[in-house]
Amino acid sequence: MFRRTLRLGPLRLHFTQRGLSSWSIKLGAWSWNSRARAHRVDLPGPFSWKQDKHHRQHHQRRRRHR
């Protein structure tokens, strides 16, 4: 599988075989990813905090039991 990241200052472009898959921006400890549409903050040590800004509503069909 082909994956490549091009870094242009705080902007990162993520590519796969099909082309551009997502982009992200990182300023200090804060970052945002276009695919996940989530904010992330790196905290001291192995910790981080993430907040989803894009809440997808999954509509599921309920099967009727006969």
N, C-alpha and C. Protein backbone atom coordinates (compact mmCIF):
# COMPACT_ATOMS: atom_id res chain seq x y z
N MET A 1 0.84 -1.17 0.00
CA MET A 1 0.00 0.00 0.00
C MET A 1 0.89 1.24 0.00
N PHE A 2 0.56 2.17 -0.83
CA PHE A 2 1.31 3.40 -0.97
C PHE A 2 0.70 4.50 -0.11
N ARG A 3 1.49 5.08 0.77
CA ARG A 3 1.07 6.23 1.57
C ARG A 3 2.23 7.21 1.64
N ARG A 4 1.91 8.47 1.49
CA ARG A 4 2.94 9.49 1.55
C ARG A 4 2.36 10.75 2.15
N THR A 5 3.17 11.45 2.94
CA THR A 5 2.76 12.72 3.54
C THR A 5 3.73 13.79 3.08
N LEU A 6 3.17 14.86 2.54
CA LEU A 6 3.96 16.01 2.11
C LEU A 6 3.76 17.11 3.14
N ARG A 7 4.84 17.58 3.74
CA ARG A 7 4.77 18.60 4.77
C ARG A 7 5.19 19.95 4.19
N LEU A 8 4.29 20.91 4.30
CA LEU A 8 4.54 22.27 3.82
C LEU A 8 4.31 23.22 4.99
N GLY A 9 5.31 23.37 5.84
CA GLY A 9 5.14 24.17 7.05
C GLY A 9 4.14 23.49 7.96
N PRO A 10 3.10 24.20 8.42
CA PRO A 10 2.12 23.58 9.31
C PRO A 10 1.08 22.72 8.58
N LEU A 11 1.07 22.77 7.23
CA LEU A 11 0.11 22.01 6.43
C LEU A 11 0.70 20.68 6.03
N ARG A 12 -0.10 19.62 6.18
CA ARG A 12 0.32 18.28 5.78
C ARG A 12 -0.69 17.71 4.80
N LEU A 13 -0.22 17.23 3.67
CA LEU A 13 -1.07 16.62 2.66
C LEU A 13 -0.80 15.12 2.65
N HIS A 14 -1.85 14.33 2.80
CA HIS A 14 -1.73 12.88 2.89
C HIS A 14 -2.22 12.25 1.59
N PHE A 15 -1.34 11.48 0.95
CA PHE A 15 -1.65 10.86 -0.34
C PHE A 15 -1.66 9.34 -0.23
N THR A 16 -2.52 8.71 -1.04
CA THR A 16 -2.52 7.26 -1.23
C THR A 16 -2.39 7.01 -2.72
N GLN A 17 -2.55 5.78 -3.14
CA GLN A 17 -2.46 5.46 -4.57
C GLN A 17 -3.52 6.20 -5.38
N ARG A 18 -4.65 6.50 -4.77
CA ARG A 18 -5.75 7.17 -5.46
C ARG A 18 -5.60 8.68 -5.50
N GLY A 19 -4.58 9.22 -4.86
CA GLY A 19 -4.37 10.66 -4.84
C GLY A 19 -4.49 11.23 -3.44
N LEU A 20 -4.89 12.49 -3.34
CA LEU A 20 -5.00 13.15 -2.05
C LEU A 20 -6.11 12.50 -1.22
N SER A 21 -5.78 12.02 -0.04
CA SER A 21 -6.78 11.36 0.80
C SER A 21 -7.28 12.28 1.90
N SER A 22 -6.41 13.13 2.44
CA SER A 22 -6.82 14.09 3.46
C SER A 22 -5.71 15.12 3.64
N TRP A 23 -6.03 16.14 4.41
CA TRP A 23 -5.02 17.14 4.75
C TRP A 23 -5.19 17.49 6.21
N SER A 24 -4.13 17.98 6.81
CA SER A 24 -4.20 18.37 8.21
C SER A 24 -3.33 19.59 8.43
N ILE A 25 -3.59 20.26 9.52
CA ILE A 25 -2.80 21.42 9.90
C ILE A 25 -2.39 21.24 11.35
N LYS A 26 -1.15 21.59 11.65
CA LYS A 26 -0.62 21.42 13.01
C LYS A 26 0.09 22.70 13.42
N LEU A 27 -0.40 23.30 14.49
CA LEU A 27 0.18 24.52 15.04
C LEU A 27 0.51 24.26 16.51
N GLY A 28 1.77 24.05 16.79
CA GLY A 28 2.17 23.73 18.17
C GLY A 28 1.60 22.40 18.58
N ALA A 29 0.90 22.37 19.71
CA ALA A 29 0.33 21.13 20.22
C ALA A 29 -1.05 20.84 19.62
N TRP A 30 -1.64 21.82 18.89
CA TRP A 30 -2.98 21.67 18.33
C TRP A 30 -2.91 21.21 16.88
N SER A 31 -3.82 20.31 16.50
CA SER A 31 -3.90 19.88 15.10
C SER A 31 -5.35 19.60 14.72
N TRP A 32 -5.63 19.63 13.41
CA TRP A 32 -6.95 19.34 12.87
C TRP A 32 -6.77 18.52 11.61
N ASN A 33 -7.61 17.49 11.43
CA ASN A 33 -7.53 16.60 10.28
C ASN A 33 -8.82 16.69 9.49
N SER A 34 -8.71 16.83 8.16
CA SER A 34 -9.89 17.00 7.31
C SER A 34 -10.72 15.73 7.20
N ARG A 35 -10.11 14.58 7.27
CA ARG A 35 -10.88 13.34 7.14
C ARG A 35 -11.63 13.02 8.42
N ALA A 36 -10.98 13.13 9.56
CA ALA A 36 -11.63 12.85 10.84
C ALA A 36 -12.46 14.03 11.30
N ARG A 37 -12.17 15.21 10.76
CA ARG A 37 -12.82 16.45 11.17
C ARG A 37 -12.81 16.58 12.69
N ALA A 38 -11.63 16.37 13.24
CA ALA A 38 -11.48 16.40 14.69
C ALA A 38 -10.30 17.28 15.08
N HIS A 39 -10.46 17.95 16.21
CA HIS A 39 -9.38 18.72 16.81
C HIS A 39 -8.63 17.80 17.75
N ARG A 40 -7.32 18.01 17.86
CA ARG A 40 -6.51 17.19 18.76
C ARG A 40 -5.47 18.09 19.40
N VAL A 41 -5.22 17.86 20.68
CA VAL A 41 -4.20 18.60 21.41
C VAL A 41 -3.27 17.58 22.06
N ASP A 42 -1.98 17.71 21.77
CA ASP A 42 -0.99 16.85 22.40
C ASP A 42 -0.71 17.38 23.79
N LEU A 43 -0.82 16.50 24.78
CA LEU A 43 -0.57 16.86 26.17
C LEU A 43 0.77 16.28 26.61
N PRO A 44 1.30 16.72 27.74
CA PRO A 44 2.59 16.19 28.20
C PRO A 44 2.54 14.67 28.39
N GLY A 45 3.66 14.04 28.11
CA GLY A 45 3.76 12.59 28.24
C GLY A 45 3.04 11.90 27.08
N PRO A 46 2.54 10.70 27.31
CA PRO A 46 1.88 9.95 26.23
C PRO A 46 0.41 10.29 26.07
N PHE A 47 -0.03 11.43 26.58
CA PHE A 47 -1.45 11.77 26.58
C PHE A 47 -1.81 12.74 25.46
N SER A 48 -3.06 12.67 25.05
CA SER A 48 -3.60 13.63 24.08
C SER A 48 -5.09 13.76 24.31
N TRP A 49 -5.67 14.82 23.76
CA TRP A 49 -7.10 15.08 23.88
C TRP A 49 -7.65 15.28 22.49
N LYS A 50 -8.81 14.68 22.22
CA LYS A 50 -9.40 14.75 20.90
C LYS A 50 -10.88 15.11 21.03
N GLN A 51 -11.34 16.01 20.16
CA GLN A 51 -12.76 16.38 20.13
C GLN A 51 -13.26 16.28 18.71
N ASP A 52 -14.25 15.42 18.50
CA ASP A 52 -14.87 15.29 17.19
C ASP A 52 -15.76 16.49 16.94
N LYS A 53 -15.60 17.10 15.80
CA LYS A 53 -16.45 18.22 15.42
C LYS A 53 -17.49 17.77 14.40
N HIS A 54 -17.32 16.61 13.84
CA HIS A 54 -18.23 16.11 12.81
C HIS A 54 -18.96 14.91 13.38
N HIS A 55 -20.19 15.09 13.75
CA HIS A 55 -20.96 13.98 14.31
C HIS A 55 -21.84 13.40 13.22
N ARG A 56 -21.46 12.26 12.73
CA ARG A 56 -22.25 11.60 11.70
C ARG A 56 -23.38 10.84 12.37
N GLN A 57 -24.52 10.96 11.81
CA GLN A 57 -25.64 10.20 12.33
C GLN A 57 -25.82 8.99 11.45
N HIS A 58 -25.70 7.84 12.04
CA HIS A 58 -25.86 6.59 11.30
C HIS A 58 -27.31 6.16 11.41
N HIS A 59 -27.95 6.09 10.29
CA HIS A 59 -29.34 5.65 10.26
C HIS A 59 -29.33 4.15 9.97
N GLN A 60 -29.86 3.42 10.88
CA GLN A 60 -29.90 1.98 10.70
C GLN A 60 -31.34 1.54 10.51
N ARG A 61 -31.53 0.64 9.61
CA ARG A 61 -32.87 0.09 9.41
C ARG A 61 -33.08 -1.00 10.44
N ARG A 62 -34.23 -0.97 11.02
CA ARG A 62 -34.55 -2.03 11.97
C ARG A 62 -35.29 -3.14 11.24
N ARG A 63 -34.86 -4.33 11.48
CA ARG A 63 -35.54 -5.47 10.87
C ARG A 63 -36.73 -5.87 11.72
N ARG A 64 -37.79 -6.12 11.05
CA ARG A 64 -38.97 -6.58 11.78
C ARG A 64 -38.89 -8.08 11.94
N HIS A 65 -39.12 -8.49 13.13
CA HIS A 65 -39.16 -9.95 13.38
C HIS A 65 -40.59 -10.41 13.23
N ARG A 66 -40.78 -11.39 12.39
CA ARG A 66 -42.14 -11.88 12.14
C ARG A 66 -42.40 -13.13 12.92
